[in-house]
Amino acid sequence: MEQQEAQNGQGAGTEETPQVEQNNSNNLPSMESLLQQEEFSVELPQQGEIRTGVIASISPSQILVSIGAKSEGVIAGRELEQIEPEDREAFKVGQEIPAYVLNPEDSNGNVVLSYTRAQEQMSWDAVEKMLEEDETIETTISGYNKGGLIVPVLGLRGFVPASQIGAMRRSIAVGDTPEQRFGKMVSEPISVRIIEVDRERRRLILSERAASSESRQSIKERVIEELEEGEVRTGRVTSLADFGAFVNISGADGLVHLSELSWEHISHPSEILEVGQEVKVKIISIDTEKKRIGLSIRQLSEDPWRSRLEKYQVGQLVEGVITRLTKFGAFARLEGEIEGLIHISEISEDRIEHPREMLNEGDVVTLRVIRIDPDQRRIGLSLRKVDSAAFADKDMKILTKELEEISEEEIETPASEEAAPAGEKPQKPATAEETAPAEEKAQEPAPVEEIAPAEEKPQKPAPAKKSARAKKGSSTPATAEETAQKPAPAKKSTRAKKEKRAEPVAETSAEDGAEAASSEEESPPPSEEKPEA
């Protein structure tokens, strides 16, 4: 009985075993299902995707990277050469690196990867985030071109335009070539801020001014608090514009307007200034609200107009040359750079539409000064008021004053000329002929040498002039020889001696005879001499 039960139990057990195995086989997945499940569980790489992979092997020709695909990705050829030598030396098996999928599957079934492209795409993502957050970047200047500085940022090539370079750095950027301006800045540290990102055009624009705007603003506030109007400071020209020049004073930029550069007219600041030049400036205005500093260079010197205008006064007549004609009037140059305006209403008594009806450029005209404004450097002139009766009294006074000055000069000049000979007279006495009157010269006895020529020319006797005695007594005129041969009486009066000496002098020549005749006529008649004899 027991043996039969045991056989029955064993048979029952054998019958249950195939059923369990059959149930287990029904529960196990098939190979096809396993393969399908694996395909769905593995995410196939896509082109342009960046994945983090693990370096599987490193060789001189390629680097295998496991990125979780069916096969390992490969970095080879040009992509391997583009990796910096320092990075390649630092790579180790098992190290995680980013990889950019260039091709999900090549002809050999491999996934083509790029390490440099992955780094670049990650850098662009980072700089876009920095642009949104206005983050300041500390980096180093790596190069330059004609437009500005080259600055690397996370492996990307950033550019800082010359207009975005900081004020202090721009102040030393002096020269005609980029090398002269920016060459010495290479390898210097610089703080920049991203102001433009364009991934498609690979454009990354940076600004040093934007990065230092906060510190520069605080410096400017401090400098403004220290400055005082009228103070003179030394600064450096940082930039030039059409409207003026910017000068840095202790870290703060001030503006020298074009009108405050020079007393003379200039068209552009570059005519007298250059970037980097050290200049002295005067503080003329401070705006604490707008944080502006007004500077002046011309106010450090005296206005030449004031000294030139001292010679002019209202009502004075002047001569000018017409230089320009405009609708509202004409400009006339008086002296040097001084020009005055003849308003159209001051050109003629009659109404005119344009100054050219009465004037032409280059005309020299007489004008009257009717207004002087030294502060505005303006002179008002008039052509129609030249003969105005309102200025008659003033013109007469000016004319009288000028005549008095001329007469005083004429009086002073002869007086000075006469004073010199008067002082010389004691040193050089005048001769008897210069001091004696004409009558005494006639009375002086003629020397023998003067009569001798009359005796040497007996062939040509001079016609004798009748003396006063011959006219009354003798009708026969005496010749020169007879007169000379007649002996003079022993004793005669002084008057007789004068008459006797006068006759031969008169006969020697026509001029001497005329003088002798005049002296005889002046002497008294002979009738008055007889009582004396």
Protein backbone atom coordinates (compact mmCIF):
# COMPACT_ATOMS: atom_id res chain seq x y z
CA MET A 1 0.00 0.00 0.00
CA GLU A 2 2.76 2.45 0.91
CA GLN A 3 4.72 1.59 -2.20
CA GLN A 4 1.62 2.26 -4.36
CA GLU A 5 1.07 5.64 -2.75
CA ALA A 6 4.69 6.57 -3.22
CA GLN A 7 4.49 5.72 -6.92
CA ASN A 8 1.30 7.73 -7.24
CA GLY A 9 2.91 10.74 -5.55
CA GLN A 10 5.98 10.49 -7.75
CA GLY A 11 3.84 10.36 -10.83
CA ALA A 12 1.95 13.40 -9.70
CA GLY A 13 5.18 15.31 -9.18
CA THR A 14 6.41 14.47 -12.62
CA GLU A 15 3.21 15.72 -14.07
CA GLU A 16 3.45 19.12 -12.28
CA THR A 17 7.10 19.93 -13.34
CA PRO A 18 6.43 20.49 -17.09
CA GLN A 19 3.62 22.81 -16.22
CA VAL A 20 5.89 25.01 -14.07
CA GLU A 21 8.55 25.11 -16.77
CA GLN A 22 5.92 25.98 -19.31
CA ASN A 23 4.70 28.82 -17.14
CA ASN A 24 8.27 30.12 -16.63
CA SER A 25 8.99 30.03 -20.37
CA ASN A 26 5.87 32.04 -21.01
CA ASN A 27 7.04 34.74 -18.51
CA LEU A 28 10.63 35.24 -20.02
CA PRO A 29 10.97 37.95 -22.77
CA SER A 30 12.08 36.88 -26.19
CA MET A 31 15.40 38.00 -27.78
CA GLU A 32 13.56 40.20 -30.28
CA SER A 33 11.71 41.95 -27.50
CA LEU A 34 14.96 42.49 -25.66
CA LEU A 35 16.55 44.05 -28.73
CA GLN A 36 13.56 46.29 -29.29
CA GLN A 37 13.62 47.40 -25.69
CA GLU A 38 17.32 48.28 -25.99
CA GLU A 39 16.72 50.39 -29.11
CA PHE A 40 14.03 52.39 -27.37
CA SER A 41 16.08 52.83 -24.23
CA VAL A 42 19.18 54.20 -26.11
CA GLU A 43 18.85 57.82 -27.33
CA LEU A 44 20.49 58.13 -30.71
CA PRO A 45 22.74 61.25 -31.13
CA GLN A 46 21.51 64.12 -33.28
CA GLN A 47 23.58 66.49 -35.40
CA GLY A 48 24.42 69.74 -33.58
CA GLU A 49 23.83 68.17 -30.19
CA ILE A 50 26.32 68.59 -27.40
CA ARG A 51 26.83 65.56 -25.21
CA THR A 52 29.01 64.82 -22.24
CA GLY A 53 31.13 61.79 -22.94
CA VAL A 54 33.88 59.74 -21.33
CA ILE A 55 37.25 59.28 -22.99
CA ALA A 56 37.61 55.59 -23.86
CA SER A 57 41.03 55.70 -25.51
CA ILE A 58 43.64 58.18 -26.69
CA SER A 59 45.96 57.71 -29.63
CA PRO A 60 48.01 60.08 -31.77
CA SER A 61 45.47 59.85 -34.59
CA GLN A 62 42.15 59.81 -32.71
CA ILE A 63 40.32 60.00 -29.42
CA LEU A 64 37.42 57.61 -28.75
CA VAL A 65 34.64 58.99 -26.58
CA SER A 66 31.70 57.06 -25.20
CA ILE A 67 28.60 59.19 -25.41
CA GLY A 68 26.00 56.49 -24.61
CA ALA A 69 25.35 55.51 -28.20
CA LYS A 70 25.50 52.04 -29.79
CA SER A 71 29.09 52.75 -30.72
CA GLU A 72 31.77 55.10 -29.46
CA GLY A 73 32.25 58.52 -31.01
CA VAL A 74 35.53 59.53 -32.58
CA ILE A 75 37.48 62.79 -32.63
CA ALA A 76 39.99 62.66 -35.45
CA GLY A 77 41.54 64.53 -38.34
CA ARG A 78 41.03 68.28 -38.44
CA GLU A 79 38.96 68.32 -35.26
CA LEU A 80 41.79 66.66 -33.38
CA GLU A 81 44.31 69.19 -34.71
CA GLN A 82 42.18 72.14 -33.59
CA ILE A 83 42.43 71.09 -29.95
CA GLU A 84 45.01 73.11 -28.09
CA PRO A 85 48.17 71.13 -27.26
CA GLU A 86 47.75 71.95 -23.59
CA ASP A 87 44.26 70.43 -23.56
CA ARG A 88 45.38 67.30 -25.42
CA GLU A 89 48.15 66.70 -22.95
CA ALA A 90 45.69 67.09 -20.09
CA PHE A 91 43.23 64.49 -21.46
CA LYS A 92 43.10 61.16 -19.63
CA VAL A 93 41.16 57.94 -20.16
CA GLY A 94 37.97 58.04 -18.13
CA GLN A 95 37.82 61.88 -18.16
CA GLU A 96 34.51 63.51 -19.00
CA ILE A 97 34.58 66.04 -21.85
CA PRO A 98 31.92 67.84 -23.89
CA ALA A 99 31.51 66.70 -27.48
CA TYR A 100 29.65 68.25 -30.38
CA VAL A 101 27.97 65.85 -32.78
CA LEU A 102 29.08 66.69 -36.30
CA ASN A 103 27.70 63.49 -37.93
CA PRO A 104 25.53 60.89 -36.13
CA GLU A 105 26.90 58.12 -38.38
CA ASP A 106 29.59 58.21 -41.05
CA SER A 107 30.32 55.62 -43.73
CA ASN A 108 32.06 53.44 -41.15
CA GLY A 109 29.16 53.66 -38.74
CA ASN A 110 31.02 55.94 -36.31
CA VAL A 111 29.71 59.06 -34.62
CA VAL A 112 31.91 62.02 -35.62
CA LEU A 113 32.55 64.39 -32.72
CA SER A 114 34.26 67.77 -32.16
CA TYR A 115 35.69 69.00 -28.89
CA THR A 116 36.42 72.58 -30.06
CA ARG A 117 32.94 73.09 -31.49
CA ALA A 118 31.44 71.92 -28.22
CA GLN A 119 33.58 74.41 -26.31
CA GLU A 120 32.60 77.20 -28.70
CA GLN A 121 28.87 76.54 -28.47
CA MET A 122 29.07 76.42 -24.69
CA SER A 123 30.95 79.72 -24.71
CA TRP A 124 28.29 81.40 -26.86
CA ASP A 125 25.62 80.16 -24.45
CA ALA A 126 27.64 81.60 -21.57
CA VAL A 127 28.21 85.03 -23.14
CA GLU A 128 24.53 85.34 -24.00
CA LYS A 129 23.76 84.75 -20.35
CA MET A 130 26.42 87.32 -19.35
CA LEU A 131 24.82 89.87 -21.68
CA GLU A 132 21.47 89.39 -20.00
CA GLU A 133 22.97 89.72 -16.52
CA ASP A 134 25.34 92.65 -17.39
CA GLU A 135 28.24 90.73 -15.95
CA THR A 136 31.74 92.24 -15.93
CA ILE A 137 34.53 90.06 -17.28
CA GLU A 138 38.18 90.20 -16.27
CA THR A 139 40.45 89.25 -19.15
CA THR A 140 43.67 90.25 -20.98
CA ILE A 141 44.30 92.14 -24.22
CA SER A 142 45.61 89.69 -26.82
CA GLY A 143 45.93 91.92 -29.89
CA TYR A 144 44.65 94.92 -31.82
CA ASN A 145 43.65 96.18 -35.26
CA LYS A 146 43.07 99.62 -36.74
CA GLY A 147 39.66 99.87 -35.06
CA GLY A 148 40.37 98.75 -31.51
CA LEU A 149 41.52 95.92 -29.22
CA ILE A 150 41.17 92.13 -29.47
CA VAL A 151 40.14 90.53 -26.16
CA PRO A 152 39.41 86.79 -25.66
CA VAL A 153 36.34 85.78 -23.67
CA LEU A 154 35.83 82.07 -22.84
CA GLY A 155 37.72 81.09 -25.96
CA LEU A 156 35.80 83.48 -28.20
CA ARG A 157 37.40 86.43 -30.02
CA GLY A 158 35.91 89.62 -28.59
CA PHE A 159 36.42 93.11 -29.97
CA VAL A 160 36.62 96.41 -28.05
CA PRO A 161 36.12 99.40 -30.45
CA ALA A 162 38.30 102.45 -29.89
CA SER A 163 35.22 104.42 -28.86
CA GLN A 164 34.56 101.87 -26.06
CA ILE A 165 38.07 101.95 -24.60
CA GLY A 166 38.35 103.54 -21.18
CA ALA A 167 39.27 107.20 -20.79
CA MET A 168 42.60 106.57 -19.10
CA ARG A 169 43.65 104.05 -21.74
CA ARG A 170 42.52 106.36 -24.56
CA SER A 171 44.56 109.21 -23.14
CA ILE A 172 47.76 107.29 -23.84
CA ALA A 173 46.61 105.92 -27.21
CA VAL A 174 48.55 108.49 -29.23
CA GLY A 175 50.05 107.93 -32.68
CA ASP A 176 49.37 107.75 -36.39
CA THR A 177 49.36 103.95 -36.73
CA PRO A 178 47.50 101.21 -34.77
CA GLU A 179 50.81 99.87 -33.52
CA GLN A 180 51.71 103.26 -32.04
CA ARG A 181 48.29 103.64 -30.42
CA PHE A 182 47.57 100.11 -29.16
CA GLY A 183 50.80 98.12 -29.41
CA LYS A 184 51.92 98.85 -25.86
CA MET A 185 48.54 97.70 -24.46
CA VAL A 186 48.95 94.03 -25.46
CA SER A 187 49.04 91.62 -22.47
CA GLU A 188 47.59 94.28 -20.17
CA PRO A 189 44.62 93.24 -18.00
CA ILE A 190 41.26 94.75 -18.87
CA SER A 191 37.75 94.70 -17.45
CA VAL A 192 35.00 94.54 -20.08
CA ARG A 193 31.28 94.13 -20.36
CA ILE A 194 29.43 92.45 -23.24
CA ILE A 195 27.27 94.88 -25.21
CA GLU A 196 26.45 92.80 -28.33
CA VAL A 197 26.29 89.07 -29.20
CA ASP A 198 25.61 87.66 -32.68
CA ARG A 199 26.26 83.92 -32.82
CA GLU A 200 25.48 83.51 -36.51
CA ARG A 201 27.91 86.26 -37.53
CA ARG A 202 30.31 85.23 -34.76
CA ARG A 203 30.25 88.81 -33.50
CA LEU A 204 31.10 89.62 -29.88
CA ILE A 205 31.39 93.34 -29.01
CA LEU A 206 32.81 94.40 -25.65
CA SER A 207 33.13 97.72 -23.81
CA GLU A 208 35.65 98.82 -21.23
CA ARG A 209 33.77 102.06 -20.64
CA ALA A 210 30.60 100.17 -19.75
CA ALA A 211 32.51 97.95 -17.33
CA SER A 212 34.07 100.91 -15.54
CA SER A 213 31.05 103.21 -15.70
CA GLU A 214 30.20 102.72 -12.05
CA SER A 215 33.68 103.43 -10.79
CA ARG A 216 34.11 106.32 -13.23
CA GLN A 217 30.82 107.81 -12.06
CA SER A 218 31.90 107.63 -8.44
CA ILE A 219 35.25 109.20 -9.30
CA LYS A 220 33.51 112.00 -11.18
CA GLU A 221 31.25 112.73 -8.24
CA ARG A 222 34.25 112.96 -5.95
CA VAL A 223 36.14 115.25 -8.33
CA ILE A 224 33.10 117.51 -8.78
CA GLU A 225 32.89 117.95 -5.03
CA GLU A 226 36.56 119.00 -4.94
CA LEU A 227 36.46 121.44 -7.87
CA GLU A 228 35.68 125.15 -7.58
CA GLU A 229 34.70 127.60 -10.29
CA GLY A 230 37.58 129.81 -11.36
CA GLU A 231 40.17 127.20 -10.37
CA VAL A 232 42.96 126.36 -12.83
CA ARG A 233 43.81 122.67 -13.27
CA THR A 234 46.12 120.62 -15.49
CA GLY A 235 44.49 117.89 -17.57
CA ARG A 236 44.99 115.69 -20.60
CA VAL A 237 42.98 115.78 -23.82
CA THR A 238 41.10 112.47 -24.15
CA SER A 239 39.03 113.03 -27.29
CA LEU A 240 38.12 115.67 -29.88
CA ALA A 241 34.70 116.37 -31.35
CA ASP A 242 33.22 118.91 -33.73
CA PHE A 243 31.75 120.85 -30.82
CA GLY A 244 34.81 120.85 -28.55
CA ALA A 245 37.44 118.84 -26.69
CA PHE A 246 37.18 116.55 -23.65
CA VAL A 247 39.88 116.97 -21.02
CA ASN A 248 40.41 114.52 -18.17
CA ILE A 249 41.01 116.16 -14.79
CA SER A 250 41.91 113.79 -11.96
CA GLY A 251 39.82 111.02 -13.53
CA ALA A 252 36.79 113.12 -14.52
CA ASP A 253 36.14 114.35 -18.05
CA GLY A 254 35.22 117.98 -18.64
CA LEU A 255 34.21 119.70 -21.88
CA VAL A 256 36.03 122.63 -23.44
CA HIS A 257 33.48 124.01 -25.88
CA LEU A 258 34.68 125.12 -29.30
CA SER A 259 34.02 128.76 -28.38
CA GLU A 260 36.21 128.43 -25.25
CA LEU A 261 39.29 127.03 -26.98
CA SER A 262 40.71 130.28 -28.37
CA TRP A 263 39.94 133.99 -28.71
CA GLU A 264 40.49 133.61 -32.44
CA HIS A 265 38.00 131.84 -34.70
CA ILE A 266 38.69 128.12 -35.25
CA SER A 267 36.64 125.51 -37.13
CA HIS A 268 37.74 122.34 -35.29
CA PRO A 269 39.60 121.61 -32.04
CA SER A 270 42.25 119.68 -33.97
CA GLU A 271 43.60 123.02 -35.23
CA ILE A 272 45.15 123.74 -31.83
CA LEU A 273 44.86 120.47 -29.82
CA GLU A 274 45.64 116.78 -30.18
CA VAL A 275 44.63 113.71 -28.19
CA GLY A 276 47.01 113.02 -25.32
CA GLN A 277 48.19 116.62 -25.08
CA GLU A 278 48.60 118.07 -21.59
CA VAL A 279 46.86 121.43 -21.17
CA LYS A 280 45.90 123.89 -18.48
CA VAL A 281 42.20 124.67 -18.18
CA LYS A 282 40.02 126.96 -16.11
CA ILE A 283 36.87 125.69 -14.39
CA ILE A 284 34.03 127.93 -15.62
CA SER A 285 30.95 125.89 -14.65
CA ILE A 286 29.98 122.89 -12.50
CA ASP A 287 26.61 121.14 -12.81
CA THR A 288 26.25 118.82 -9.82
CA GLU A 289 22.87 117.47 -10.96
CA LYS A 290 23.89 116.52 -14.49
CA LYS A 291 27.49 115.80 -13.42
CA ARG A 292 28.99 118.12 -16.03
CA ILE A 293 32.15 120.18 -15.87
CA GLY A 294 32.63 123.21 -18.12
CA LEU A 295 36.20 124.17 -18.94
CA SER A 296 37.93 127.00 -20.79
CA ILE A 297 41.40 127.45 -22.28
CA ARG A 298 41.03 130.91 -23.76
CA GLN A 299 40.13 132.54 -20.44
CA LEU A 300 43.65 131.83 -19.21
CA SER A 301 44.85 134.66 -21.49
CA GLU A 302 43.68 138.26 -21.87
CA ASP A 303 41.12 139.00 -24.54
CA PRO A 304 42.99 140.82 -27.32
CA TRP A 305 39.74 142.49 -28.35
CA ARG A 306 39.62 144.61 -25.21
CA SER A 307 43.03 146.14 -25.88
CA ARG A 308 42.14 146.69 -29.53
CA LEU A 309 38.81 148.28 -28.73
CA GLU A 310 40.35 150.86 -26.40
CA LYS A 311 41.16 153.07 -29.38
CA TYR A 312 37.52 153.16 -30.50
CA GLN A 313 34.63 155.10 -28.98
CA VAL A 314 31.01 155.66 -29.85
CA GLY A 315 30.60 158.44 -32.40
CA GLN A 316 34.11 158.08 -33.81
CA LEU A 317 34.67 158.13 -37.57
CA VAL A 318 36.67 155.16 -38.87
CA GLU A 319 37.69 153.70 -42.19
CA GLY A 320 36.75 150.11 -43.04
CA VAL A 321 36.87 147.58 -45.85
CA ILE A 322 33.68 145.70 -46.74
CA THR A 323 34.37 141.97 -46.32
CA ARG A 324 30.94 140.29 -46.49
CA LEU A 325 27.43 141.12 -47.60
CA THR A 326 24.42 139.41 -46.02
CA LYS A 327 20.68 139.94 -46.07
CA PHE A 328 20.74 141.73 -42.74
CA GLY A 329 23.76 143.93 -43.37
CA ALA A 330 27.43 144.17 -44.28
CA PHE A 331 30.60 143.36 -42.34
CA ALA A 332 33.53 145.77 -42.46
CA ARG A 333 37.07 145.09 -41.27
CA LEU A 334 38.49 148.00 -39.29
CA GLU A 335 41.90 146.70 -38.21
CA GLY A 336 43.44 143.23 -38.17
CA GLU A 337 40.74 140.75 -37.15
CA ILE A 338 38.33 143.38 -35.82
CA GLU A 339 35.13 143.44 -37.83
CA GLY A 340 32.01 145.45 -37.29
CA LEU A 341 28.47 145.06 -38.57
CA ILE A 342 26.69 147.69 -40.63
CA HIS A 343 23.06 146.78 -40.21
CA ILE A 344 20.97 147.17 -43.33
CA SER A 345 19.04 149.97 -41.64
CA GLU A 346 22.32 151.88 -41.13
CA ILE A 347 23.48 151.75 -44.74
CA SER A 348 21.23 154.34 -46.37
CA GLU A 349 18.51 156.85 -45.51
CA ASP A 350 16.39 155.25 -48.20
CA ARG A 351 14.93 151.78 -47.88
CA ILE A 352 16.99 149.06 -49.60
CA GLU A 353 16.32 145.34 -50.01
CA HIS A 354 19.95 144.18 -49.92
CA PRO A 355 23.28 145.82 -49.00
CA ARG A 356 24.61 145.08 -52.50
CA GLU A 357 22.50 147.97 -53.77
CA MET A 358 24.88 150.36 -52.03
CA LEU A 359 28.05 148.39 -51.28
CA ASN A 360 30.40 145.86 -52.82
CA GLU A 361 32.95 143.58 -51.21
CA GLY A 362 36.32 145.31 -51.09
CA ASP A 363 34.91 148.84 -50.93
CA VAL A 364 36.77 151.22 -48.59
CA VAL A 365 34.24 153.44 -46.81
CA THR A 366 34.13 155.90 -43.94
CA LEU A 367 31.92 154.70 -41.10
CA ARG A 368 30.75 155.90 -37.73
CA VAL A 369 30.95 153.76 -34.59
CA ILE A 370 27.48 153.67 -33.01
CA ARG A 371 27.81 150.77 -30.56
CA ILE A 372 30.58 148.83 -28.78
CA ASP A 373 29.96 145.58 -26.86
CA PRO A 374 33.28 144.21 -25.50
CA ASP A 375 31.67 141.20 -23.83
CA GLN A 376 30.00 140.03 -27.03
CA ARG A 377 32.97 141.25 -29.12
CA ARG A 378 30.70 143.28 -31.37
CA ILE A 379 30.99 146.71 -32.96
CA GLY A 380 28.01 148.43 -34.51
CA LEU A 381 28.78 150.70 -37.47
CA SER A 382 26.74 153.14 -39.53
CA LEU A 383 27.19 154.53 -43.02
CA ARG A 384 24.20 156.85 -43.08
CA LYS A 385 25.22 158.61 -39.86
CA VAL A 386 28.63 159.68 -41.13
CA ASP A 387 27.28 163.20 -41.88
CA SER A 388 24.67 163.20 -39.15
CA ALA A 389 24.12 166.54 -37.41
CA ALA A 390 23.76 164.73 -34.12
CA PHE A 391 27.52 164.13 -34.12
CA ALA A 392 28.52 167.56 -35.47
CA ASP A 393 29.61 168.91 -32.08
CA LYS A 394 31.57 165.79 -31.34
CA ASP A 395 33.25 165.86 -34.73
CA MET A 396 34.19 169.52 -34.20
CA LYS A 397 35.70 168.77 -30.81
CA ILE A 398 37.71 165.89 -32.22
CA LEU A 399 38.88 168.04 -35.13
CA THR A 400 39.85 170.88 -32.81
CA LYS A 401 41.76 168.52 -30.61
CA GLU A 402 43.63 167.07 -33.57
CA LEU A 403 44.53 170.56 -34.84
CA GLU A 404 45.80 171.56 -31.43
CA GLU A 405 47.97 168.48 -31.28
CA ILE A 406 49.36 169.22 -34.75
CA SER A 407 50.10 172.86 -33.86
CA GLU A 408 51.82 171.83 -30.63
CA GLU A 409 54.02 169.45 -32.57
CA GLU A 410 54.93 172.17 -35.09
CA ILE A 411 55.81 174.60 -32.30
CA GLU A 412 57.93 172.09 -30.46
CA THR A 413 59.85 171.07 -33.58
CA PRO A 414 61.28 174.57 -34.58
CA ALA A 415 62.02 175.39 -30.95
CA SER A 416 64.16 172.29 -30.67
CA GLU A 417 65.88 173.09 -33.97
CA GLU A 418 66.71 176.70 -32.85
CA ALA A 419 67.94 175.63 -29.46
CA ALA A 420 70.81 173.63 -30.90
CA PRO A 421 72.48 176.53 -32.93
CA ALA A 422 71.95 178.94 -30.05
CA GLY A 423 74.09 176.78 -27.85
CA GLU A 424 76.78 176.52 -30.53
CA LYS A 425 77.21 180.27 -31.03
CA PRO A 426 79.66 180.82 -28.13
CA GLN A 427 81.82 178.00 -29.45
CA LYS A 428 81.88 179.25 -33.08
CA PRO A 429 81.61 183.03 -33.42
CA ALA A 430 80.07 184.32 -36.61
CA THR A 431 82.19 186.23 -39.15
CA ALA A 432 81.97 190.00 -39.57
CA GLU A 433 80.25 189.62 -42.92
CA GLU A 434 77.43 187.47 -41.38
CA THR A 435 76.76 189.85 -38.49
CA ALA A 436 77.29 193.29 -40.09
CA PRO A 437 74.29 194.98 -41.76
CA ALA A 438 74.19 195.78 -45.46
CA GLU A 439 75.06 199.47 -44.96
CA GLU A 440 78.21 198.68 -42.96
CA LYS A 441 79.32 196.26 -45.69
CA ALA A 442 79.07 199.10 -48.22
CA GLN A 443 81.05 201.47 -45.97
CA GLU A 444 83.92 199.05 -45.38
CA PRO A 445 86.97 199.81 -47.59
CA ALA A 446 87.35 197.45 -50.48
CA PRO A 447 90.64 195.54 -50.42
CA VAL A 448 93.24 196.15 -53.07
CA GLU A 449 92.89 192.58 -54.43
CA GLU A 450 89.29 193.28 -55.44
CA ILE A 451 90.24 196.39 -57.48
CA ALA A 452 93.14 194.70 -59.23
CA PRO A 453 91.02 192.77 -61.68
CA ALA A 454 89.63 196.06 -63.01
CA GLU A 455 93.18 197.26 -63.95
CA GLU A 456 94.04 193.92 -65.63
CA LYS A 457 91.25 194.38 -68.18
CA PRO A 458 91.86 197.82 -69.78
CA GLN A 459 90.69 196.55 -73.20
CA LYS A 460 87.13 196.02 -72.01
CA PRO A 461 86.24 198.96 -69.85
CA ALA A 462 82.99 198.55 -67.95
CA PRO A 463 80.48 201.29 -68.57
CA ALA A 464 80.90 203.71 -65.71
CA LYS A 465 77.86 204.72 -63.80
CA LYS A 466 77.51 208.31 -62.87
CA SER A 467 77.97 209.02 -59.30
CA ALA A 468 75.87 211.53 -57.50
CA ARG A 469 78.60 214.17 -57.91
CA ALA A 470 79.10 213.45 -61.64
CA LYS A 471 75.38 213.72 -62.32
CA LYS A 472 75.26 217.24 -60.96
CA GLY A 473 78.68 218.68 -61.96
CA SER A 474 80.38 216.88 -64.87
CA SER A 475 78.62 215.54 -67.88
CA THR A 476 81.57 213.33 -69.02
CA PRO A 477 81.60 209.96 -67.37
CA ALA A 478 84.87 208.72 -65.93
CA THR A 479 86.32 205.44 -67.07
CA ALA A 480 87.62 202.76 -64.75
CA GLU A 481 91.30 203.65 -65.54
CA GLU A 482 90.85 207.29 -64.86
CA THR A 483 89.09 206.62 -61.67
CA ALA A 484 91.79 204.26 -60.54
CA GLN A 485 94.67 206.68 -61.54
CA LYS A 486 93.31 209.71 -59.76
CA PRO A 487 95.13 210.25 -56.50
CA ALA A 488 92.91 210.61 -53.49
CA PRO A 489 93.11 213.97 -51.67
CA ALA A 490 95.13 214.07 -48.49
CA LYS A 491 92.31 214.97 -46.16
CA LYS A 492 88.71 214.26 -46.89
CA SER A 493 85.74 213.68 -44.77
CA THR A 494 84.47 210.24 -44.05
CA ARG A 495 81.61 210.72 -46.47
CA ALA A 496 83.94 211.76 -49.30
CA LYS A 497 86.06 208.67 -48.67
CA LYS A 498 82.98 206.51 -48.92
CA GLU A 499 81.97 208.14 -52.23
CA LYS A 500 85.50 207.80 -53.65
CA ARG A 501 85.71 204.15 -52.73
CA ALA A 502 82.24 203.44 -54.11
CA GLU A 503 83.04 204.61 -57.67
CA PRO A 504 85.81 202.08 -58.57
CA VAL A 505 83.78 199.24 -56.93
CA ALA A 506 80.81 200.14 -59.11
CA GLU A 507 82.95 200.15 -62.31
CA THR A 508 84.48 196.69 -61.77
CA SER A 509 81.29 194.77 -62.57
CA ALA A 510 77.64 195.28 -63.16
CA GLU A 511 76.63 193.92 -59.79
CA ASP A 512 79.30 195.85 -57.86
CA GLY A 513 78.32 199.00 -59.74
CA ALA A 514 74.73 198.61 -58.76
CA GLU A 515 75.67 198.32 -55.09
CA ALA A 516 77.96 201.39 -55.31
CA ALA A 517 75.26 203.43 -57.02
CA SER A 518 72.76 202.59 -54.33
CA SER A 519 75.22 203.58 -51.61
CA GLU A 520 75.93 206.93 -53.34
CA GLU A 521 72.24 207.67 -53.70
CA GLU A 522 71.73 207.09 -50.01
CA SER A 523 74.56 209.49 -49.12
CA PRO A 524 73.66 213.25 -48.73
CA PRO A 525 74.17 215.61 -51.74
CA PRO A 526 77.58 217.35 -52.19
CA SER A 527 76.09 220.74 -51.42
CA GLU A 528 75.80 219.68 -47.84
CA GLU A 529 79.51 218.74 -47.75
CA LYS A 530 80.89 222.13 -48.84
CA PRO A 531 80.39 223.88 -45.54
CA GLU A 532 82.34 221.07 -43.88
CA ALA A 533 85.28 221.63 -46.26
